[in-house]
């Protein structure tokens, strides 16, 4: 699959590397694709076959476009690419926005909803907002199973994202579809609890697991 990743930070790099290893055709998009300092930072990715292009070129390349930009800048950056260029594309949104004081930039609605509203013809799927980049690409590094969530309106887009999650090592029963894009609020608003857990445990490399009630034995009644 052709994947374009917007964002050259730690999350974008981790996803680009993992999906390239899984056999996908990956381009990473930047606002400064020819910057020698950036290319030096991305040397290992480039050597592995990941291309570094402008944001618009990465979007044009992509069957699935990944938003791994800072959440406070995501809508503006996507706007530079333009709604016509994004129409019909699957946009896998992993970003969460934070203000300078560390508080979430989207305390009422989610960034995922804001993107979907700004680009109504784009098929937005929110995922990966509840885990660190290391766990995103190596769920097997945890001691036990973990849950990852999907939010979005388009069933076909969700199916495409499920396939990409499988390529990163996420099993089918670890993926929980929460429903429409409004449920992205729950994913993004987990940020405060995520930070608190990280501070309490001393690591960002952890997952969460949805545990359902045990099934009642047959014939026991209510």
C-alpha atoms as a PDB file:
ATOM      1  CA  UNK A   1       0.000   0.000   0.000  1.00  0.00           C
ATOM      2  CA  UNK A   2       1.128   3.569  -0.626  1.00  0.00           C
ATOM      3  CA  UNK A   3       1.381   5.399   2.697  1.00  0.00           C
ATOM      4  CA  UNK A   4       2.095   9.089   3.185  1.00  0.00           C
ATOM      5  CA  UNK A   5       3.065  10.280   6.650  1.00  0.00           C
ATOM      6  CA  UNK A   6       2.803  13.945   7.557  1.00  0.00           C
ATOM      7  CA  UNK A   7       5.273  14.726  10.295  1.00  0.00           C
ATOM      8  CA  UNK A   8       8.950  13.928  10.755  1.00  0.00           C
ATOM      9  CA  UNK A   9       8.924  13.675  14.551  1.00  0.00           C
ATOM     10  CA  UNK A  10       9.392  10.543  16.624  1.00  0.00           C
ATOM     11  CA  UNK A  11       5.907   9.145  15.916  1.00  0.00           C
ATOM     12  CA  UNK A  12       6.109   9.719  12.169  1.00  0.00           C
ATOM     13  CA  UNK A  13       9.562   8.167  11.994  1.00  0.00           C
ATOM     14  CA  UNK A  14       8.572   5.104  14.020  1.00  0.00           C
ATOM     15  CA  UNK A  15       5.518   4.445  11.852  1.00  0.00           C
ATOM     16  CA  UNK A  16       7.404   5.060   8.612  1.00  0.00           C
ATOM     17  CA  UNK A  17      10.128   2.611   9.580  1.00  0.00           C
ATOM     18  CA  UNK A  18       7.698  -0.093  10.724  1.00  0.00           C
ATOM     19  CA  UNK A  19       5.459   0.096   7.671  1.00  0.00           C
ATOM     20  CA  UNK A  20       8.435   0.149   5.323  1.00  0.00           C
ATOM     21  CA  UNK A  21       9.675  -3.062   6.958  1.00  0.00           C
ATOM     22  CA  UNK A  22       6.200  -4.535   6.450  1.00  0.00           C
ATOM     23  CA  UNK A  23       6.563  -3.974   2.710  1.00  0.00           C
ATOM     24  CA  UNK A  24       4.603  -0.767   2.154  1.00  0.00           C
ATOM     25  CA  UNK A  25       5.604   2.086  -0.143  1.00  0.00           C
ATOM     26  CA  UNK A  26       6.173   4.913   2.337  1.00  0.00           C
ATOM     27  CA  UNK A  27       6.773   8.620   1.793  1.00  0.00           C
ATOM     28  CA  UNK A  28       7.221  10.977   4.714  1.00  0.00           C
ATOM     29  CA  UNK A  29       6.063  14.556   4.190  1.00  0.00           C
ATOM     30  CA  UNK A  30       7.760  17.669   5.512  1.00  0.00           C
ATOM     31  CA  UNK A  31       7.523  21.411   4.975  1.00  0.00           C
ATOM     32  CA  UNK A  32      11.311  21.396   4.435  1.00  0.00           C
ATOM     33  CA  UNK A  33      12.004  18.215   2.448  1.00  0.00           C
ATOM     34  CA  UNK A  34      15.302  19.410   1.014  1.00  0.00           C
ATOM     35  CA  UNK A  35      16.801  20.627   4.282  1.00  0.00           C
ATOM     36  CA  UNK A  36      20.209  18.923   4.688  1.00  0.00           C
ATOM     37  CA  UNK A  37      19.836  18.822   8.470  1.00  0.00           C
ATOM     38  CA  UNK A  38      16.481  17.047   8.186  1.00  0.00           C
ATOM     39  CA  UNK A  39      17.817  14.593   5.633  1.00  0.00           C
ATOM     40  CA  UNK A  40      20.715  13.825   7.956  1.00  0.00           C
ATOM     41  CA  UNK A  41      18.271  13.125  10.787  1.00  0.00           C
ATOM     42  CA  UNK A  42      16.272  10.809   8.505  1.00  0.00           C
ATOM     43  CA  UNK A  43      19.315   9.111   6.993  1.00  0.00           C
ATOM     44  CA  UNK A  44      18.401   5.631   8.213  1.00  0.00           C
ATOM     45  CA  UNK A  45      14.842   5.918   6.915  1.00  0.00           C
ATOM     46  CA  UNK A  46      16.037   7.136   3.527  1.00  0.00           C
ATOM     47  CA  UNK A  47      18.570   4.313   3.350  1.00  0.00           C
ATOM     48  CA  UNK A  48      15.737   1.849   4.051  1.00  0.00           C
ATOM     49  CA  UNK A  49      13.711   3.200   1.125  1.00  0.00           C
ATOM     50  CA  UNK A  50      11.447   5.800   2.712  1.00  0.00           C
ATOM     51  CA  UNK A  51      11.236   8.927   0.569  1.00  0.00           C
ATOM     52  CA  UNK A  52      11.230  12.436   2.033  1.00  0.00           C
ATOM     53  CA  UNK A  53       8.937  14.746   0.100  1.00  0.00           C
ATOM     54  CA  UNK A  54       6.904  17.899   0.552  1.00  0.00           C
ATOM     55  CA  UNK A  55       3.622  17.579   2.408  1.00  0.00           C
ATOM     56  CA  UNK A  56       1.515  17.894  -0.743  1.00  0.00           C
ATOM     57  CA  UNK A  57       3.619  15.334  -2.610  1.00  0.00           C
ATOM     58  CA  UNK A  58       3.349  12.851   0.258  1.00  0.00           C
ATOM     59  CA  UNK A  59      -0.412  13.322   0.276  1.00  0.00           C
ATOM     60  CA  UNK A  60      -0.642  12.846  -3.479  1.00  0.00           C
ATOM     61  CA  UNK A  61       1.379   9.636  -3.178  1.00  0.00           C
ATOM     62  CA  UNK A  62      -0.794   8.161  -0.462  1.00  0.00           C
ATOM     63  CA  UNK A  63      -3.664   5.728  -0.475  1.00  0.00           C
ATOM     64  CA  UNK A  64      -3.617   6.197   3.300  1.00  0.00           C
ATOM     65  CA  UNK A  65      -2.361   9.521   4.656  1.00  0.00           C
ATOM     66  CA  UNK A  66      -1.198   9.590   8.275  1.00  0.00           C
ATOM     67  CA  UNK A  67      -1.397  12.770  10.331  1.00  0.00           C
ATOM     68  CA  UNK A  68       1.478  12.652  12.806  1.00  0.00           C
ATOM     69  CA  UNK A  69       1.920  16.419  13.058  1.00  0.00           C
ATOM     70  CA  UNK A  70       1.529  18.445  16.277  1.00  0.00           C
ATOM     71  CA  UNK A  71      -2.187  18.597  16.975  1.00  0.00           C
ATOM     72  CA  UNK A  72      -2.199  22.374  17.290  1.00  0.00           C
ATOM     73  CA  UNK A  73      -0.895  22.691  13.715  1.00  0.00           C
ATOM     74  CA  UNK A  74      -2.642  19.782  11.972  1.00  0.00           C
ATOM     75  CA  UNK A  75      -5.672  21.522  10.466  1.00  0.00           C
ATOM     76  CA  UNK A  76      -3.606  24.426   9.147  1.00  0.00           C
ATOM     77  CA  UNK A  77      -1.076  22.076   7.561  1.00  0.00           C
ATOM     78  CA  UNK A  78      -3.790  19.981   5.943  1.00  0.00           C
ATOM     79  CA  UNK A  79      -5.270  23.232   4.666  1.00  0.00           C
ATOM     80  CA  UNK A  80      -2.056  23.953   2.760  1.00  0.00           C
ATOM     81  CA  UNK A  81      -2.553  20.654   0.930  1.00  0.00           C
ATOM     82  CA  UNK A  82      -6.167  21.529   0.222  1.00  0.00           C
ATOM     83  CA  UNK A  83      -9.520  19.810   0.482  1.00  0.00           C
ATOM     84  CA  UNK A  84      -9.618  18.730  -3.208  1.00  0.00           C
ATOM     85  CA  UNK A  85      -6.306  16.867  -2.824  1.00  0.00           C
ATOM     86  CA  UNK A  86      -7.566  15.134   0.320  1.00  0.00           C
ATOM     87  CA  UNK A  87     -11.014  14.223  -0.995  1.00  0.00           C
ATOM     88  CA  UNK A  88     -11.681  10.491  -0.852  1.00  0.00           C
ATOM     89  CA  UNK A  89      -8.435   9.658   0.918  1.00  0.00           C
ATOM     90  CA  UNK A  90      -8.216   7.674   4.127  1.00  0.00           C
ATOM     91  CA  UNK A  91      -6.641   9.921   6.752  1.00  0.00           C
ATOM     92  CA  UNK A  92      -5.308   8.035   9.751  1.00  0.00           C
ATOM     93  CA  UNK A  93      -5.067  10.630  12.517  1.00  0.00           C
ATOM     94  CA  UNK A  94      -2.785   9.821  15.440  1.00  0.00           C
ATOM     95  CA  UNK A  95      -2.205  13.380  16.681  1.00  0.00           C
ATOM     96  CA  UNK A  96      -3.102  14.891  20.029  1.00  0.00           C
ATOM     97  CA  UNK A  97      -2.697  18.629  20.604  1.00  0.00           C
ATOM     98  CA  UNK A  98      -1.137  20.261  23.654  1.00  0.00           C
ATOM     99  CA  UNK A  99      -0.803  23.919  24.573  1.00  0.00           C
ATOM    100  CA  UNK A 100       2.416  25.477  25.835  1.00  0.00           C
ATOM    101  CA  UNK A 101       1.422  24.763  29.455  1.00  0.00           C
ATOM    102  CA  UNK A 102       0.886  21.075  28.689  1.00  0.00           C
ATOM    103  CA  UNK A 103      -2.899  21.132  28.748  1.00  0.00           C
ATOM    104  CA  UNK A 104      -4.868  19.590  25.848  1.00  0.00           C
ATOM    105  CA  UNK A 105      -5.636  21.945  22.976  1.00  0.00           C
ATOM    106  CA  UNK A 106      -9.002  20.272  22.280  1.00  0.00           C
ATOM    107  CA  UNK A 107     -10.739  20.006  25.677  1.00  0.00           C
ATOM    108  CA  UNK A 108     -14.296  19.876  24.299  1.00  0.00           C
ATOM    109  CA  UNK A 109     -14.257  18.376  20.816  1.00  0.00           C
ATOM    110  CA  UNK A 110     -11.421  16.323  19.381  1.00  0.00           C
ATOM    111  CA  UNK A 111      -8.834  17.092  16.743  1.00  0.00           C
ATOM    112  CA  UNK A 112     -10.227  14.149  14.790  1.00  0.00           C
ATOM    113  CA  UNK A 113     -13.645  15.804  14.675  1.00  0.00           C
ATOM    114  CA  UNK A 114     -12.115  19.144  13.739  1.00  0.00           C
ATOM    115  CA  UNK A 115     -10.284  17.549  10.807  1.00  0.00           C
ATOM    116  CA  UNK A 116     -13.407  15.722   9.640  1.00  0.00           C
ATOM    117  CA  UNK A 117     -15.444  18.922   9.800  1.00  0.00           C
ATOM    118  CA  UNK A 118     -12.802  20.924   7.920  1.00  0.00           C
ATOM    119  CA  UNK A 119     -12.406  18.225   5.250  1.00  0.00           C
ATOM    120  CA  UNK A 120     -15.807  16.515   4.951  1.00  0.00           C
ATOM    121  CA  UNK A 121     -14.842  14.464   1.891  1.00  0.00           C
ATOM    122  CA  UNK A 122     -11.814  12.964   3.635  1.00  0.00           C
ATOM    123  CA  UNK A 123     -12.291   9.605   5.370  1.00  0.00           C
ATOM    124  CA  UNK A 124     -10.874  10.293   8.830  1.00  0.00           C
ATOM    125  CA  UNK A 125     -10.040   7.458  11.234  1.00  0.00           C
ATOM    126  CA  UNK A 126      -8.663   8.204  14.680  1.00  0.00           C
ATOM    127  CA  UNK A 127      -6.394   5.679  16.365  1.00  0.00           C
ATOM    128  CA  UNK A 128      -3.193   5.334  18.440  1.00  0.00           C
ATOM    129  CA  UNK A 129      -4.003   8.324  20.680  1.00  0.00           C
ATOM    130  CA  UNK A 130      -3.786   6.234  23.854  1.00  0.00           C
ATOM    131  CA  UNK A 131      -0.314   4.710  23.476  1.00  0.00           C
ATOM    132  CA  UNK A 132       3.323   5.680  23.031  1.00  0.00           C
ATOM    133  CA  UNK A 133       5.086   5.392  19.684  1.00  0.00           C
ATOM    134  CA  UNK A 134       7.079   2.371  20.877  1.00  0.00           C
ATOM    135  CA  UNK A 135       3.930   0.416  21.637  1.00  0.00           C
ATOM    136  CA  UNK A 136       2.320   1.551  18.363  1.00  0.00           C
ATOM    137  CA  UNK A 137       4.890  -0.377  16.354  1.00  0.00           C
ATOM    138  CA  UNK A 138       5.646  -3.186  18.820  1.00  0.00           C
ATOM    139  CA  UNK A 139       2.547  -4.250  20.771  1.00  0.00           C
ATOM    140  CA  UNK A 140       4.287  -7.536  21.525  1.00  0.00           C
ATOM    141  CA  UNK A 141       6.773  -5.682  23.720  1.00  0.00           C
ATOM    142  CA  UNK A 142       4.136  -5.520  26.472  1.00  0.00           C
ATOM    143  CA  UNK A 143       3.711  -8.263  29.058  1.00  0.00           C
ATOM    144  CA  UNK A 144       0.140  -8.923  27.987  1.00  0.00           C
ATOM    145  CA  UNK A 145      -2.490  -7.999  25.404  1.00  0.00           C
ATOM    146  CA  UNK A 146      -3.522  -4.375  24.954  1.00  0.00           C
ATOM    147  CA  UNK A 147      -6.432  -2.594  23.282  1.00  0.00           C
ATOM    148  CA  UNK A 148      -6.217  -0.023  20.510  1.00  0.00           C
ATOM    149  CA  UNK A 149      -9.229   2.006  19.392  1.00  0.00           C
ATOM    150  CA  UNK A 150     -10.798   3.180  16.134  1.00  0.00           C
ATOM    151  CA  UNK A 151     -13.113   6.167  15.653  1.00  0.00           C
ATOM    152  CA  UNK A 152     -14.537   7.241  12.305  1.00  0.00           C
ATOM    153  CA  UNK A 153     -17.537   7.365  10.017  1.00  0.00           C
ATOM    154  CA  UNK A 154     -16.348   5.278   7.063  1.00  0.00           C
ATOM    155  CA  UNK A 155     -16.363   1.468   7.367  1.00  0.00           C
ATOM    156  CA  UNK A 156     -14.045   0.981   4.398  1.00  0.00           C
ATOM    157  CA  UNK A 157     -11.522   3.421   5.829  1.00  0.00           C
ATOM    158  CA  UNK A 158     -11.591   1.606   9.151  1.00  0.00           C
ATOM    159  CA  UNK A 159     -10.973  -1.683   7.395  1.00  0.00           C
ATOM    160  CA  UNK A 160      -7.926  -0.229   5.643  1.00  0.00           C
ATOM    161  CA  UNK A 161      -6.589   1.029   8.971  1.00  0.00           C
ATOM    162  CA  UNK A 162      -7.205  -2.354  10.589  1.00  0.00           C
ATOM    163  CA  UNK A 163      -4.986  -3.902   7.937  1.00  0.00           C
ATOM    164  CA  UNK A 164      -2.188  -1.458   8.691  1.00  0.00           C
ATOM    165  CA  UNK A 165      -2.514  -2.165  12.407  1.00  0.00           C
ATOM    166  CA  UNK A 166      -2.221  -5.881  11.689  1.00  0.00           C
ATOM    167  CA  UNK A 167       1.026  -5.177   9.853  1.00  0.00           C
ATOM    168  CA  UNK A 168       2.368  -3.584  13.036  1.00  0.00           C
ATOM    169  CA  UNK A 169       1.520  -6.672  15.084  1.00  0.00           C
ATOM    170  CA  UNK A 170      -1.915  -5.781  16.472  1.00  0.00           C
ATOM    171  CA  UNK A 171      -4.211  -8.798  16.516  1.00  0.00           C
ATOM    172  CA  UNK A 172      -7.797  -8.515  15.351  1.00  0.00           C
ATOM    173  CA  UNK A 173      -9.235  -8.945  18.838  1.00  0.00           C
ATOM    174  CA  UNK A 174      -7.054  -6.120  20.185  1.00  0.00           C
ATOM    175  CA  UNK A 175      -8.794  -3.521  17.983  1.00  0.00           C
ATOM    176  CA  UNK A 176     -11.997  -2.004  19.384  1.00  0.00           C
ATOM    177  CA  UNK A 177     -14.218   0.066  17.082  1.00  0.00           C
ATOM    178  CA  UNK A 178     -15.754   2.810  19.219  1.00  0.00           C
ATOM    179  CA  UNK A 179     -18.087   4.136  16.529  1.00  0.00           C
ATOM    180  CA  UNK A 180     -18.241   7.516  14.797  1.00  0.00           C
ATOM    181  CA  UNK A 181     -15.661  10.268  14.787  1.00  0.00           C
ATOM    182  CA  UNK A 182     -17.238  11.913  17.858  1.00  0.00           C
ATOM    183  CA  UNK A 183     -15.819   9.033  19.912  1.00  0.00           C
ATOM    184  CA  UNK A 184     -12.346  10.344  19.109  1.00  0.00           C
ATOM    185  CA  UNK A 185     -12.931  12.657  22.078  1.00  0.00           C
ATOM    186  CA  UNK A 186     -12.497   9.691  24.398  1.00  0.00           C
ATOM    187  CA  UNK A 187      -9.229   8.692  22.760  1.00  0.00           C
ATOM    188  CA  UNK A 188      -7.716  12.167  22.816  1.00  0.00           C
ATOM    189  CA  UNK A 189      -9.015  13.090  26.265  1.00  0.00           C
ATOM    190  CA  UNK A 190      -7.174  10.077  27.667  1.00  0.00           C
ATOM    191  CA  UNK A 191      -4.024  12.220  27.435  1.00  0.00           C
ATOM    192  CA  UNK A 192      -4.148  13.496  31.014  1.00  0.00           C
ATOM    193  CA  UNK A 193      -4.560   9.985  32.418  1.00  0.00           C
ATOM    194  CA  UNK A 194      -1.811   8.730  30.102  1.00  0.00           C
ATOM    195  CA  UNK A 195       0.643  11.295  31.467  1.00  0.00           C
ATOM    196  CA  UNK A 196      -0.363  10.536  35.060  1.00  0.00           C
ATOM    197  CA  UNK A 197       0.134   6.792  34.558  1.00  0.00           C
ATOM    198  CA  UNK A 198       3.500   7.404  32.896  1.00  0.00           C
ATOM    199  CA  UNK A 199       4.674   9.476  35.844  1.00  0.00           C
ATOM    200  CA  UNK A 200       3.415   6.913  38.346  1.00  0.00           C
ATOM    201  CA  UNK A 201       5.036   3.956  36.584  1.00  0.00           C
ATOM    202  CA  UNK A 202       8.153   5.657  35.261  1.00  0.00           C
ATOM    203  CA  UNK A 203       7.527   4.662  31.650  1.00  0.00           C
ATOM    204  CA  UNK A 204       5.461   5.706  28.640  1.00  0.00           C
ATOM    205  CA  UNK A 205       5.637   2.177  27.234  1.00  0.00           C
ATOM    206  CA  UNK A 206       2.396   0.714  28.523  1.00  0.00           C
ATOM    207  CA  UNK A 207      -0.982  -0.251  27.129  1.00  0.00           C
ATOM    208  CA  UNK A 208      -4.528  -0.433  28.391  1.00  0.00           C
ATOM    209  CA  UNK A 209      -6.838  -3.389  28.061  1.00  0.00           C
ATOM    210  CA  UNK A 210     -10.629  -3.458  27.984  1.00  0.00           C
ATOM    211  CA  UNK A 211     -11.717  -6.298  30.258  1.00  0.00           C
ATOM    212  CA  UNK A 212     -15.355  -7.404  29.972  1.00  0.00           C
ATOM    213  CA  UNK A 213     -17.386  -9.269  32.612  1.00  0.00           C
ATOM    214  CA  UNK A 214     -16.949 -13.004  32.729  1.00  0.00           C
ATOM    215  CA  UNK A 215     -19.752 -14.845  30.934  1.00  0.00           C
ATOM    216  CA  UNK A 216     -22.372 -16.215  33.324  1.00  0.00           C
ATOM    217  CA  UNK A 217     -22.504 -20.009  33.383  1.00  0.00           C
ATOM    218  CA  UNK A 218     -25.398 -21.454  31.399  1.00  0.00           C
ATOM    219  CA  UNK A 219     -28.500 -21.929  33.522  1.00  0.00           C
ATOM    220  CA  UNK A 220     -27.464 -19.792  36.485  1.00  0.00           C
ATOM    221  CA  UNK A 221     -30.029 -17.105  35.779  1.00  0.00           C
ATOM    222  CA  UNK A 222     -29.729 -13.391  36.439  1.00  0.00           C
END
